[in-house]
Amino acid sequence: MSTRLVSPRSGPPVRSTLSSGGVFFINRKDELAAIDTAGAAVRAHTSCKRDGAATSDPTTRRNYIFGHSSDPDREISIALLFAVIAGKPAAS
């Protein structure tokens, strides 16, 4: 989803919202620690304004809202998706 700043004929411009996402592949034994570390790194970014909408399972998706450095009315919605890669199956 991408919404550009629209200036109506009268009144102030409408807030601009952009959406993006990223997939984080995990192949460690402690996937919850990796998920928490990734979430903390995203939150620590200087452009991260706040957590986004809560999801039903934060171990598969977390949402964040970023701000634009030169436009305080512009917000960027980021979805961080987690994919845990299982280890190799045991030989039979």
C-alpha atoms as a PDB file:
ATOM      1  CA  MET A   1       0.000   0.000   0.000  1.00  0.00           C
ATOM      2  CA  SER A   2       1.327   3.422  -0.896  1.00  0.00           C
ATOM      3  CA  THR A   3      -0.477   6.705  -0.394  1.00  0.00           C
ATOM      4  CA  ARG A   4       1.012   9.955  -1.592  1.00  0.00           C
ATOM      5  CA  LEU A   5       0.562  13.378  -0.043  1.00  0.00           C
ATOM      6  CA  VAL A   6      -2.567  14.856  -1.548  1.00  0.00           C
ATOM      7  CA  SER A   7      -3.308  18.566  -1.412  1.00  0.00           C
ATOM      8  CA  PRO A   8      -7.064  19.046  -1.565  1.00  0.00           C
ATOM      9  CA  ARG A   9      -8.337  22.237  -3.197  1.00  0.00           C
ATOM     10  CA  SER A  10      -9.023  23.621   0.260  1.00  0.00           C
ATOM     11  CA  GLY A  11      -7.528  22.740   3.607  1.00  0.00           C
ATOM     12  CA  PRO A  12      -4.253  21.171   4.676  1.00  0.00           C
ATOM     13  CA  PRO A  13      -2.558  18.290   2.858  1.00  0.00           C
ATOM     14  CA  VAL A  14      -3.652  14.780   3.784  1.00  0.00           C
ATOM     15  CA  ARG A  15      -1.174  12.600   5.732  1.00  0.00           C
ATOM     16  CA  SER A  16       1.015  10.451   3.559  1.00  0.00           C
ATOM     17  CA  THR A  17       1.368   6.771   4.412  1.00  0.00           C
ATOM     18  CA  LEU A  18       3.733   4.278   2.824  1.00  0.00           C
ATOM     19  CA  SER A  19       3.915   0.572   3.587  1.00  0.00           C
ATOM     20  CA  SER A  20       6.833  -1.780   3.288  1.00  0.00           C
ATOM     21  CA  GLY A  21       8.024  -5.036   4.771  1.00  0.00           C
ATOM     22  CA  GLY A  22      10.936  -7.323   5.302  1.00  0.00           C
ATOM     23  CA  VAL A  23      11.402 -11.020   5.913  1.00  0.00           C
ATOM     24  CA  PHE A  24      13.830 -12.173   8.596  1.00  0.00           C
ATOM     25  CA  PHE A  25      14.989 -15.780   8.131  1.00  0.00           C
ATOM     26  CA  ILE A  26      16.044 -17.546  11.338  1.00  0.00           C
ATOM     27  CA  ASN A  27      17.966 -20.803  11.530  1.00  0.00           C
ATOM     28  CA  ARG A  28      19.066 -20.704  15.161  1.00  0.00           C
ATOM     29  CA  LYS A  29      17.996 -22.860  18.055  1.00  0.00           C
ATOM     30  CA  ASP A  30      16.702 -19.885  20.066  1.00  0.00           C
ATOM     31  CA  GLU A  31      14.377 -18.266  17.539  1.00  0.00           C
ATOM     32  CA  LEU A  32      12.517 -16.244  20.187  1.00  0.00           C
ATOM     33  CA  ALA A  33      15.761 -14.499  21.163  1.00  0.00           C
ATOM     34  CA  ALA A  34      16.451 -13.713  17.493  1.00  0.00           C
ATOM     35  CA  ILE A  35      12.923 -12.323  17.055  1.00  0.00           C
ATOM     36  CA  ASP A  36      13.241 -10.145  20.171  1.00  0.00           C
ATOM     37  CA  THR A  37      16.688  -8.914  19.083  1.00  0.00           C
ATOM     38  CA  ALA A  38      15.381  -7.990  15.624  1.00  0.00           C
ATOM     39  CA  GLY A  39      12.413  -6.153  17.157  1.00  0.00           C
ATOM     40  CA  ALA A  40      14.694  -4.234  19.521  1.00  0.00           C
ATOM     41  CA  ALA A  41      16.968  -3.256  16.621  1.00  0.00           C
ATOM     42  CA  VAL A  42      14.001  -1.927  14.609  1.00  0.00           C
ATOM     43  CA  ARG A  43      12.666   0.013  17.633  1.00  0.00           C
ATOM     44  CA  ALA A  44      16.136   1.514  18.235  1.00  0.00           C
ATOM     45  CA  HIS A  45      16.262   3.015  14.725  1.00  0.00           C
ATOM     46  CA  THR A  46      16.174   6.811  14.895  1.00  0.00           C
ATOM     47  CA  SER A  47      13.243   6.997  12.460  1.00  0.00           C
ATOM     48  CA  CYS A  48      11.073   4.500  14.366  1.00  0.00           C
ATOM     49  CA  LYS A  49       8.223   6.464  15.943  1.00  0.00           C
ATOM     50  CA  ARG A  50       6.291   3.650  17.623  1.00  0.00           C
ATOM     51  CA  ASP A  51       5.061   0.072  17.402  1.00  0.00           C
ATOM     52  CA  GLY A  52       2.361  -0.463  14.792  1.00  0.00           C
ATOM     53  CA  ALA A  53      -0.859  -2.407  15.124  1.00  0.00           C
ATOM     54  CA  ALA A  54      -0.620  -5.512  17.282  1.00  0.00           C
ATOM     55  CA  THR A  55      -0.744  -8.869  15.529  1.00  0.00           C
ATOM     56  CA  SER A  56      -2.308 -12.114  16.694  1.00  0.00           C
ATOM     57  CA  ASP A  57       1.107 -13.824  16.713  1.00  0.00           C
ATOM     58  CA  PRO A  58       4.129 -11.553  17.323  1.00  0.00           C
ATOM     59  CA  THR A  59       6.461 -14.484  16.630  1.00  0.00           C
ATOM     60  CA  THR A  60       5.500 -14.358  12.934  1.00  0.00           C
ATOM     61  CA  ARG A  61       4.900 -10.630  12.335  1.00  0.00           C
ATOM     62  CA  ARG A  62       5.546  -7.309  14.065  1.00  0.00           C
ATOM     63  CA  ASN A  63       4.448  -3.904  12.807  1.00  0.00           C
ATOM     64  CA  TYR A  64       6.248  -0.586  13.250  1.00  0.00           C
ATOM     65  CA  ILE A  65       5.620   3.024  12.254  1.00  0.00           C
ATOM     66  CA  PHE A  66       8.561   5.062  10.992  1.00  0.00           C
ATOM     67  CA  GLY A  67       8.702   8.798  10.432  1.00  0.00           C
ATOM     68  CA  HIS A  68      10.204  10.666   7.528  1.00  0.00           C
ATOM     69  CA  SER A  69      13.094  12.918   8.552  1.00  0.00           C
ATOM     70  CA  SER A  70      12.068  15.897   6.407  1.00  0.00           C
ATOM     71  CA  ASP A  71       8.283  15.524   6.638  1.00  0.00           C
ATOM     72  CA  PRO A  72       6.752  14.986  10.100  1.00  0.00           C
ATOM     73  CA  ASP A  73       3.345  14.204   8.557  1.00  0.00           C
ATOM     74  CA  ARG A  74       4.705  11.313   6.494  1.00  0.00           C
ATOM     75  CA  GLU A  75       4.618   7.902   8.140  1.00  0.00           C
ATOM     76  CA  ILE A  76       5.979   4.621   6.851  1.00  0.00           C
ATOM     77  CA  SER A  77       4.383   1.394   8.031  1.00  0.00           C
ATOM     78  CA  ILE A  78       6.914  -1.452   8.251  1.00  0.00           C
ATOM     79  CA  ALA A  79       5.998  -5.117   8.733  1.00  0.00           C
ATOM     80  CA  LEU A  80       8.780  -7.412   9.912  1.00  0.00           C
ATOM     81  CA  LEU A  81       7.965 -11.032   9.072  1.00  0.00           C
ATOM     82  CA  PHE A  82       9.779 -13.949  10.671  1.00  0.00           C
ATOM     83  CA  ALA A  83      10.454 -17.267   8.961  1.00  0.00           C
ATOM     84  CA  VAL A  84      12.004 -19.971  11.156  1.00  0.00           C
ATOM     85  CA  ILE A  85      13.943 -22.469   9.071  1.00  0.00           C
ATOM     86  CA  ALA A  86      13.857 -25.934  10.596  1.00  0.00           C
ATOM     87  CA  GLY A  87      17.063 -27.911  10.833  1.00  0.00           C
ATOM     88  CA  LYS A  88      17.860 -30.793   8.535  1.00  0.00           C
ATOM     89  CA  PRO A  89      15.704 -33.864   9.226  1.00  0.00           C
ATOM     90  CA  ALA A  90      17.443 -36.807  10.808  1.00  0.00           C
ATOM     91  CA  ALA A  91      18.708 -39.464   8.397  1.00  0.00           C
ATOM     92  CA  SER A  92      16.629 -42.633   8.401  1.00  0.00           C
END
